Amino acid sequence: MRPVTTPKLENTVEQDYLILLYYYFTPIADPLALMENQRELCKALSLKGRILIAPEGINGTVSGTREQAIAYMDAMRADERFQSMVFKVDEASGHAFPKLSVKYRKEIVRFDSPVPIDPTKKTGARLSPKDWLEAMNQPDTIILDGRSDYEYDLGHFRGAIRPDLSTFREFPAWIDEHLNVPKDRPLLTYCTGGIRCEKLSAYLLEAGFTNVAQLDGGIVTYGKDEIAQGALFDGKCYVFDERQSVPINRTQDQVIVGRCHHCDAPTERFINCKYDFCHNQHLVCDHCLAEHEGFCSPDCKTLYEVSTAVS
């Protein structure tokens, strides 16, 4: 049984919050019932965040006070379906989400695979942070970022392949068309918390790659490991809450790898294009944020001005 990390309840103050990140692949006989159960549980505990329920399992990230978060972990641990689910825990000064959202989906992480993928039966080998660091340092290793292109642009493992795609579901087609590397070479995959690599590594095996491994626990676990200490990760890790990013590498001074969408200056700020029908998430520096007024292009600014004038 894989352990559930439960922080000690000490020195609790009003602003003592925890952010939980978790997922678990397991058959859910009645996902709609679990969805309602999760909604009521989180409301009762005053948790905020996003939870997806599907026939294949659960995927969530929530925030609350230390007491509320621990009560949630205890409740999940009492359910035999999720006894071995691992929680990744970050401390915070307040909520990381504006509201609670609990939804049903066909998959807890969408992956448009042309063949059946079941992470409970087959995935790449799981590497601990220590083993991952050692594997990255091997001369014949290929490292594949299992996230979207904009996440890579903010921070990534040194030498990793950047996927030219904006959503995870595009990976199968991208692998089949663009991943032209020897199929017998050691291939390492990683993502934020581990869930995407469960499916990605499984698909790579289905596609004929014979030596596939994944970073167990993802980037966030790697950054907290006392042996690896985030080594060889440049930039910051994009996270899907109000923090937007978190530092990972504790072995060196912070390296800014993000570049402004407009002028290519170093920056770590993401914004969504001000034009709602675009909403392109892009990196922007202070100067260009003011100059371009939050738009990703002159066309979007023009379309916005036309739409607001009409309304």
Protein backbone atom coordinates (compact mmCIF):
# COMPACT_ATOMS: atom_id res chain seq x y z
CA MET A 1 0.00 0.00 0.00
CA ARG A 2 1.39 3.41 -1.00
CA PRO A 3 1.37 5.88 1.94
CA VAL A 4 -0.92 8.86 2.38
CA THR A 5 1.01 11.92 3.51
CA THR A 6 -0.74 13.53 6.47
CA PRO A 7 0.86 16.68 7.93
CA LYS A 8 0.99 17.06 11.71
CA LEU A 9 -1.67 19.31 13.19
CA GLU A 10 0.45 21.85 15.04
CA ASN A 11 0.46 25.61 15.56
CA THR A 12 -2.75 26.05 13.59
CA VAL A 13 -3.61 29.69 12.91
CA GLU A 14 -6.35 31.35 10.93
CA GLN A 15 -4.25 31.56 7.75
CA ASP A 16 -2.80 28.05 8.02
CA TYR A 17 -3.99 26.37 4.81
CA LEU A 18 -3.06 23.27 2.82
CA ILE A 19 -3.34 22.60 -0.91
CA LEU A 20 -3.91 18.96 -1.83
CA LEU A 21 -3.11 17.44 -5.21
CA TYR A 22 -4.14 13.84 -5.84
CA TYR A 23 -5.43 11.25 -8.32
CA TYR A 24 -6.17 7.56 -8.34
CA PHE A 25 -7.02 5.12 -11.10
CA THR A 26 -9.53 2.56 -9.88
CA PRO A 27 -12.85 1.32 -11.30
CA ILE A 28 -15.78 3.42 -10.06
CA ALA A 29 -19.06 1.50 -10.38
CA ASP A 30 -21.26 4.57 -9.85
CA PRO A 31 -19.27 7.72 -10.70
CA LEU A 32 -22.31 10.00 -10.42
CA ALA A 33 -22.90 8.87 -6.85
CA LEU A 34 -19.24 9.49 -6.01
CA MET A 35 -19.49 12.92 -7.61
CA GLU A 36 -22.39 13.87 -5.33
CA ASN A 37 -20.60 12.39 -2.31
CA GLN A 38 -17.50 14.43 -3.06
CA ARG A 39 -19.51 17.60 -3.53
CA GLU A 40 -21.28 17.19 -0.20
CA LEU A 41 -18.07 16.24 1.62
CA CYS A 42 -16.17 19.25 0.30
CA LYS A 43 -19.05 21.62 1.03
CA ALA A 44 -19.31 20.30 4.58
CA LEU A 45 -15.56 20.90 5.05
CA SER A 46 -15.61 24.29 3.23
CA LEU A 47 -12.99 23.10 0.75
CA LYS A 48 -12.49 24.81 -2.61
CA GLY A 49 -10.95 23.40 -5.76
CA ARG A 50 -11.61 21.15 -8.74
CA ILE A 51 -12.44 17.44 -8.69
CA LEU A 52 -13.10 15.20 -11.68
CA ILE A 53 -14.86 11.85 -11.33
CA ALA A 54 -14.90 9.21 -14.07
CA PRO A 55 -15.44 5.46 -14.38
CA GLU A 56 -11.63 5.13 -14.28
CA GLY A 57 -11.09 7.02 -10.99
CA ILE A 58 -10.69 10.43 -9.36
CA ASN A 59 -8.49 13.46 -10.05
CA GLY A 60 -8.53 16.48 -7.77
CA THR A 61 -6.87 19.47 -6.23
CA VAL A 62 -8.46 21.29 -3.30
CA SER A 63 -7.52 23.81 -0.64
CA GLY A 64 -8.68 24.47 2.89
CA THR A 65 -7.48 25.08 6.41
CA ARG A 66 -5.15 22.49 7.86
CA GLU A 67 -8.01 20.91 9.85
CA GLN A 68 -10.31 20.83 6.82
CA ALA A 69 -7.68 19.33 4.53
CA ILE A 70 -6.69 16.64 7.03
CA ALA A 71 -10.35 15.78 7.60
CA TYR A 72 -10.75 15.33 3.84
CA MET A 73 -7.70 13.05 3.62
CA ASP A 74 -9.00 11.01 6.55
CA ALA A 75 -12.41 10.64 4.87
CA MET A 76 -10.81 9.49 1.63
CA ARG A 77 -8.53 7.09 3.46
CA ALA A 78 -11.61 5.53 5.10
CA ASP A 79 -12.94 4.60 1.64
CA GLU A 80 -11.34 1.28 0.70
CA ARG A 81 -11.23 2.34 -2.95
CA PHE A 82 -8.79 5.15 -2.12
CA GLN A 83 -6.82 3.79 0.85
CA SER A 84 -3.55 3.85 -1.06
CA MET A 85 -4.07 7.19 -2.81
CA VAL A 86 -1.11 9.55 -2.37
CA PHE A 87 -1.74 13.19 -1.48
CA LYS A 88 0.80 15.82 -2.48
CA VAL A 89 0.59 18.59 0.10
CA ASP A 90 1.65 22.23 -0.05
CA GLU A 91 1.27 24.82 2.68
CA ALA A 92 -0.40 28.14 1.83
CA SER A 93 -1.60 31.33 3.49
CA GLY A 94 -5.10 31.02 2.05
CA HIS A 95 -7.33 29.28 -0.47
CA ALA A 96 -5.77 28.50 -3.86
CA PHE A 97 -9.14 28.39 -5.64
CA PRO A 98 -12.08 30.81 -5.84
CA LYS A 99 -14.79 28.14 -5.63
CA LEU A 100 -15.57 24.41 -5.58
CA SER A 101 -16.20 22.46 -8.80
CA VAL A 102 -16.96 18.73 -8.83
CA LYS A 103 -17.73 17.27 -12.27
CA TYR A 104 -18.26 14.00 -14.08
CA ARG A 105 -16.04 13.21 -17.06
CA LYS A 106 -15.50 10.19 -19.29
CA GLU A 107 -11.83 10.27 -18.25
CA ILE A 108 -10.13 11.89 -15.26
CA VAL A 109 -7.50 13.12 -17.70
CA ARG A 110 -8.54 13.24 -21.33
CA PHE A 111 -6.25 11.31 -23.65
CA ASP A 112 -7.48 10.66 -27.17
CA SER A 113 -5.84 7.26 -27.52
CA PRO A 114 -6.77 5.17 -30.56
CA VAL A 115 -6.18 2.02 -28.47
CA PRO A 116 -7.48 1.12 -24.98
CA ILE A 117 -5.23 2.41 -22.18
CA ASP A 118 -5.54 1.14 -18.60
CA PRO A 119 -2.94 2.53 -16.15
CA THR A 120 -3.95 -0.05 -13.54
CA LYS A 121 -2.59 -2.77 -15.84
CA LYS A 122 0.35 -1.25 -17.71
CA THR A 123 2.48 1.88 -17.37
CA GLY A 124 6.13 2.78 -17.63
CA ALA A 125 8.46 1.92 -14.76
CA ARG A 126 8.12 4.30 -11.80
CA LEU A 127 11.33 6.08 -10.86
CA SER A 128 11.89 7.69 -7.48
CA PRO A 129 13.35 11.23 -7.55
CA LYS A 130 16.79 9.79 -6.77
CA ASP A 131 16.57 7.22 -9.58
CA TRP A 132 15.14 9.83 -11.93
CA LEU A 133 18.09 12.15 -11.33
CA GLU A 134 20.51 9.32 -12.00
CA ALA A 135 18.64 8.29 -15.17
CA MET A 136 18.65 11.85 -16.51
CA ASN A 137 22.42 11.93 -16.20
CA GLN A 138 22.90 8.89 -18.42
CA PRO A 139 24.23 9.86 -21.88
CA ASP A 140 21.73 7.80 -23.90
CA THR A 141 18.59 8.95 -22.07
CA ILE A 142 15.75 10.75 -23.89
CA ILE A 143 13.52 12.97 -21.73
CA LEU A 144 9.98 13.76 -22.90
CA ASP A 145 7.92 16.48 -21.22
CA GLY A 146 4.43 15.05 -20.74
CA ARG A 147 2.73 18.43 -20.41
CA SER A 148 1.49 21.11 -22.79
CA ASP A 149 3.78 23.52 -24.61
CA TYR A 150 2.95 26.55 -22.43
CA GLU A 151 3.84 24.59 -19.28
CA TYR A 152 7.18 23.63 -20.80
CA ASP A 153 7.85 27.26 -21.70
CA LEU A 154 7.67 28.31 -18.04
CA GLY A 155 9.96 25.55 -16.77
CA HIS A 156 11.22 22.09 -17.68
CA PHE A 157 13.90 19.49 -17.09
CA ARG A 158 17.13 20.36 -18.84
CA GLY A 159 17.34 18.80 -22.30
CA ALA A 160 13.72 17.60 -22.36
CA ILE A 161 11.80 17.39 -25.63
CA ARG A 162 9.17 20.14 -25.88
CA PRO A 163 5.84 18.76 -27.17
CA ASP A 164 4.33 21.06 -29.79
CA LEU A 165 0.78 20.76 -28.50
CA SER A 166 -1.59 22.80 -26.37
CA THR A 167 -3.60 20.00 -24.71
CA PHE A 168 -2.70 16.60 -23.29
CA ARG A 169 -5.29 14.81 -25.42
CA GLU A 170 -3.21 15.61 -28.53
CA PHE A 171 -0.31 13.42 -27.36
CA PRO A 172 -1.17 10.12 -29.13
CA ALA A 173 -1.29 11.76 -32.56
CA TRP A 174 1.84 13.80 -31.78
CA ILE A 175 3.76 10.69 -30.73
CA ASP A 176 2.73 8.78 -33.85
CA GLU A 177 3.64 11.66 -36.17
CA HIS A 178 6.55 13.48 -34.52
CA LEU A 179 8.38 11.42 -31.89
CA ASN A 180 11.15 10.15 -34.15
CA VAL A 181 13.58 8.64 -31.64
CA PRO A 182 14.95 5.08 -31.39
CA LYS A 183 12.36 2.90 -29.71
CA ASP A 184 14.92 0.96 -27.68
CA ARG A 185 16.53 4.03 -26.08
CA PRO A 186 15.71 4.82 -22.40
CA LEU A 187 12.71 7.19 -22.58
CA LEU A 188 11.81 9.21 -19.46
CA THR A 189 8.45 10.96 -19.13
CA TYR A 190 7.30 13.47 -16.53
CA CYS A 191 4.39 15.79 -15.72
CA THR A 192 3.23 17.97 -12.83
CA GLY A 193 1.84 15.40 -10.40
CA GLY A 194 2.15 12.08 -12.21
CA ILE A 195 -1.34 11.49 -13.57
CA ARG A 196 -0.67 12.36 -17.19
CA CYS A 197 2.39 10.11 -17.36
CA GLU A 198 0.29 7.15 -16.23
CA LYS A 199 -1.45 7.25 -19.60
CA LEU A 200 1.41 8.71 -21.60
CA SER A 201 3.89 6.02 -20.60
CA ALA A 202 1.28 3.32 -21.22
CA TYR A 203 0.69 4.64 -24.71
CA LEU A 204 4.41 4.82 -25.45
CA LEU A 205 4.65 1.12 -24.59
CA GLU A 206 1.70 0.40 -26.89
CA ALA A 207 3.47 2.40 -29.62
CA GLY A 208 6.46 0.08 -29.46
CA PHE A 209 8.88 1.93 -27.19
CA THR A 210 10.52 -0.73 -25.06
CA ASN A 211 12.34 1.17 -22.28
CA VAL A 212 9.86 3.66 -20.82
CA ALA A 213 9.89 5.16 -17.32
CA GLN A 214 7.97 7.90 -15.52
CA LEU A 215 8.80 10.24 -12.65
CA ASP A 216 6.79 8.86 -9.73
CA GLY A 217 4.85 11.69 -8.11
CA GLY A 218 5.72 14.17 -10.82
CA ILE A 219 7.65 17.42 -10.70
CA VAL A 220 6.11 18.60 -7.43
CA THR A 221 7.31 15.50 -5.58
CA TYR A 222 10.74 15.74 -7.19
CA GLY A 223 11.15 19.34 -6.00
CA LYS A 224 10.53 18.37 -2.38
CA ASP A 225 12.80 15.34 -2.32
CA GLU A 226 15.79 15.85 -0.01
CA ILE A 227 18.15 13.92 -2.27
CA ALA A 228 17.21 15.28 -5.70
CA GLN A 229 16.26 18.78 -4.45
CA GLY A 230 14.81 19.67 -7.85
CA ALA A 231 18.18 19.38 -9.63
CA LEU A 232 18.26 19.97 -13.40
CA PHE A 233 14.81 21.57 -13.48
CA ASP A 234 15.08 25.06 -14.98
CA GLY A 235 12.43 27.72 -14.43
CA LYS A 236 9.22 27.15 -12.45
CA CYS A 237 6.53 24.50 -12.53
CA TYR A 238 3.14 25.62 -13.81
CA VAL A 239 0.30 24.69 -11.44
CA PHE A 240 -3.44 24.87 -12.03
CA ASP A 241 -4.47 27.13 -9.18
CA GLU A 242 -4.16 30.78 -8.20
CA ARG A 243 -0.45 30.43 -7.42
CA GLN A 244 0.14 29.82 -11.15
CA SER A 245 3.68 28.52 -10.58
CA VAL A 246 5.95 27.07 -7.89
CA PRO A 247 9.75 26.88 -7.60
CA ILE A 248 11.34 23.44 -7.96
CA ASN A 249 15.14 23.56 -8.15
CA ARG A 250 16.79 24.06 -4.74
CA THR A 251 20.32 23.37 -5.94
CA GLN A 252 20.90 26.71 -7.67
CA ASP A 253 19.59 30.25 -7.99
CA GLN A 254 16.30 30.62 -9.85
CA VAL A 255 16.69 30.47 -13.64
CA ILE A 256 14.00 32.29 -15.64
CA VAL A 257 13.38 30.39 -18.87
CA GLY A 258 10.02 31.92 -19.80
CA ARG A 259 10.04 34.47 -22.62
CA CYS A 260 7.58 37.26 -23.34
CA HIS A 261 5.15 36.43 -26.15
CA HIS A 262 5.68 39.89 -27.63
CA CYS A 263 9.33 40.88 -27.12
CA ASP A 264 11.12 37.71 -25.91
CA ALA A 265 12.22 39.32 -22.64
CA PRO A 266 12.57 36.99 -19.61
CA THR A 267 9.33 36.70 -17.64
CA GLU A 268 7.32 34.25 -15.52
CA ARG A 269 3.90 35.93 -15.74
CA PHE A 270 1.11 34.15 -17.60
CA ILE A 271 -2.07 35.97 -18.59
CA ASN A 272 -5.10 35.06 -20.67
CA CYS A 273 -5.72 37.24 -23.72
CA LYS A 274 -8.21 39.95 -22.81
CA TYR A 275 -10.37 39.02 -25.81
CA ASP A 276 -12.72 36.34 -24.45
CA PHE A 277 -13.07 34.48 -27.75
CA CYS A 278 -9.30 34.04 -27.86
CA HIS A 279 -8.25 33.73 -24.21
CA ASN A 280 -4.81 32.57 -25.37
CA GLN A 281 -2.67 31.96 -22.31
CA HIS A 282 0.69 33.58 -22.91
CA LEU A 283 3.77 34.87 -21.10
CA VAL A 284 4.11 38.63 -20.92
CA CYS A 285 6.64 41.04 -19.38
CA ASP A 286 5.71 44.20 -17.45
CA HIS A 287 6.42 46.49 -20.39
CA CYS A 288 4.38 44.51 -22.92
CA LEU A 289 1.52 43.98 -20.48
CA ALA A 290 1.08 47.74 -20.39
CA GLU A 291 1.82 48.34 -24.08
CA HIS A 292 -0.47 45.61 -25.43
CA GLU A 293 -3.14 46.08 -22.73
CA GLY A 294 -3.53 42.36 -22.07
CA PHE A 295 -4.10 41.28 -25.67
CA CYS A 296 -1.98 38.61 -27.34
CA SER A 297 -2.16 40.31 -30.74
CA PRO A 298 -3.35 43.52 -32.46
CA ASP A 299 -6.11 41.49 -34.14
CA CYS A 300 -7.51 40.43 -30.76
CA LYS A 301 -7.48 44.03 -29.57
CA THR A 302 -9.38 45.12 -32.68
CA LEU A 303 -11.92 42.30 -32.34
CA TYR A 304 -12.41 43.14 -28.66
CA GLU A 305 -13.00 46.82 -29.44
CA VAL A 306 -15.51 45.93 -32.17
CA SER A 307 -17.38 43.49 -29.91
CA THR A 308 -17.60 45.94 -27.00
CA ALA A 309 -18.73 48.74 -29.31
CA VAL A 310 -21.53 46.56 -30.69
CA SER A 311 -22.68 45.43 -27.26
